[in-house]
């Protein structure tokens, strides 16, 4: 069974940056669109960004535009989410998702001074 694994979360000060990674237990990420989502305590899970498998086209939620960048490295079978200028309201568990596989276990991002 294919599983997604997120990594790269942690504690960062406001204004800082993190790069999250999403990999698959088998080499499948290259063939599907992948999305990043997040869920803050007491809130619903929300979409951040997604990237296609065919042409690498991307989409972003309004709050992510200009601060977050999604990308994929097919050679490493990995999808990244580069997050810059992080704010306390970005604190959440971040998940990647791929159709046919589902959700990863999530990685915690905490933005605090």
Protein backbone atom coordinates (compact mmCIF):
# COMPACT_ATOMS: atom_id res chain seq x y z
CA UNK A 1 0.00 0.00 0.00
CA UNK A 2 1.41 3.35 -1.03
CA UNK A 3 1.79 5.89 1.74
CA UNK A 4 2.63 9.58 1.68
CA UNK A 5 5.14 10.94 4.15
CA UNK A 6 5.54 14.60 5.02
CA UNK A 7 8.61 16.07 6.65
CA UNK A 8 10.26 19.41 7.30
CA UNK A 9 7.96 20.89 9.89
CA UNK A 10 9.14 22.47 13.10
CA UNK A 11 9.21 25.58 15.23
CA UNK A 12 10.10 28.81 13.47
CA UNK A 13 9.96 32.46 14.42
CA UNK A 14 7.62 34.87 12.65
CA UNK A 15 9.15 35.93 9.37
CA UNK A 16 11.08 32.69 9.08
CA UNK A 17 10.96 30.00 6.43
CA UNK A 18 10.45 26.27 6.20
CA UNK A 19 10.47 23.81 3.36
CA UNK A 20 8.13 20.86 3.64
CA UNK A 21 8.63 17.68 1.67
CA UNK A 22 6.14 15.04 0.57
CA UNK A 23 7.37 11.67 -0.62
CA UNK A 24 5.66 8.40 -1.44
CA UNK A 25 6.62 4.95 -0.21
CA UNK A 26 6.80 3.89 -3.84
CA UNK A 27 7.61 5.89 -6.94
CA UNK A 28 4.17 7.25 -7.69
CA UNK A 29 4.26 10.97 -7.01
CA UNK A 30 5.50 11.75 -10.48
CA UNK A 31 2.30 10.53 -12.11
CA UNK A 32 -0.34 12.37 -10.13
CA UNK A 33 -1.30 15.84 -9.04
CA UNK A 34 -0.35 16.51 -5.43
CA UNK A 35 -1.85 19.01 -3.04
CA UNK A 36 -0.80 20.56 0.24
CA UNK A 37 -3.37 21.22 2.95
CA UNK A 38 -3.26 22.35 6.55
CA UNK A 39 -5.39 22.10 9.63
CA UNK A 40 -5.09 24.45 12.57
CA UNK A 41 -6.50 23.55 16.00
CA UNK A 42 -10.25 23.95 16.05
CA UNK A 43 -10.43 24.69 12.34
CA UNK A 44 -11.30 22.74 9.24
CA UNK A 45 -8.62 21.45 6.91
CA UNK A 46 -7.95 23.95 4.15
CA UNK A 47 -6.22 23.74 0.82
CA UNK A 48 -2.96 25.57 0.28
CA UNK A 49 -1.66 24.66 -3.14
CA UNK A 50 -1.54 21.93 -5.74
CA UNK A 51 0.72 20.99 -8.60
CA UNK A 52 -0.13 18.97 -11.68
CA UNK A 53 1.82 16.00 -12.87
CA UNK A 54 1.63 16.81 -16.56
CA UNK A 55 2.92 20.34 -17.00
CA UNK A 56 3.74 21.37 -13.45
CA UNK A 57 1.02 23.98 -13.36
CA UNK A 58 0.19 25.24 -9.90
CA UNK A 59 -2.63 26.81 -7.95
CA UNK A 60 -2.58 28.63 -4.63
CA UNK A 61 -5.03 29.73 -2.00
CA UNK A 62 -5.12 33.49 -1.60
CA UNK A 63 -3.31 33.39 1.73
CA UNK A 64 -0.46 31.44 0.17
CA UNK A 65 0.14 33.60 -2.86
CA UNK A 66 3.44 35.42 -2.70
CA UNK A 67 4.66 33.52 0.38
CA UNK A 68 4.37 29.81 -0.44
CA UNK A 69 5.76 27.98 -3.45
CA UNK A 70 4.94 24.43 -4.46
CA UNK A 71 7.34 22.50 -6.64
CA UNK A 72 8.22 18.95 -7.55
CA UNK A 73 11.44 17.11 -8.21
CA UNK A 74 10.61 14.12 -10.32
CA UNK A 75 14.10 12.71 -9.98
CA UNK A 76 13.58 12.56 -6.22
CA UNK A 77 9.87 11.72 -6.45
CA UNK A 78 9.20 14.55 -4.04
CA UNK A 79 6.85 17.50 -3.85
CA UNK A 80 7.93 20.51 -1.83
CA UNK A 81 6.19 23.42 -0.19
CA UNK A 82 8.52 26.35 0.41
CA UNK A 83 7.02 28.68 3.00
CA UNK A 84 8.45 32.14 3.54
CA UNK A 85 7.50 35.04 5.78
CA UNK A 86 5.68 32.70 8.12
CA UNK A 87 3.11 34.13 10.50
CA UNK A 88 1.67 32.80 13.75
CA UNK A 89 -1.59 32.10 11.92
CA UNK A 90 0.29 29.63 9.72
CA UNK A 91 0.61 27.34 12.72
CA UNK A 92 -1.04 24.07 11.78
CA UNK A 93 -0.49 20.46 10.84
CA UNK A 94 0.44 20.34 7.18
CA UNK A 95 -0.61 17.43 4.99
CA UNK A 96 0.01 16.36 1.45
CA UNK A 97 -2.63 14.55 -0.55
CA UNK A 98 -2.66 12.51 -3.71
CA UNK A 99 -5.76 11.05 -5.35
CA UNK A 100 -5.86 7.30 -5.12
CA UNK A 101 -3.47 7.30 -2.16
CA UNK A 102 -4.98 9.72 0.32
CA UNK A 103 -3.34 11.70 3.08
CA UNK A 104 0.03 11.59 4.72
CA UNK A 105 0.34 11.63 8.50
CA UNK A 106 1.07 15.34 8.58
CA UNK A 107 3.91 17.48 9.88
CA UNK A 108 3.53 20.12 12.56
CA UNK A 109 4.46 23.70 11.78
CA UNK A 110 4.55 26.12 14.69
CA UNK A 111 5.27 29.81 14.15
CA UNK A 112 6.03 31.52 17.41
CA UNK A 113 8.53 33.83 19.00
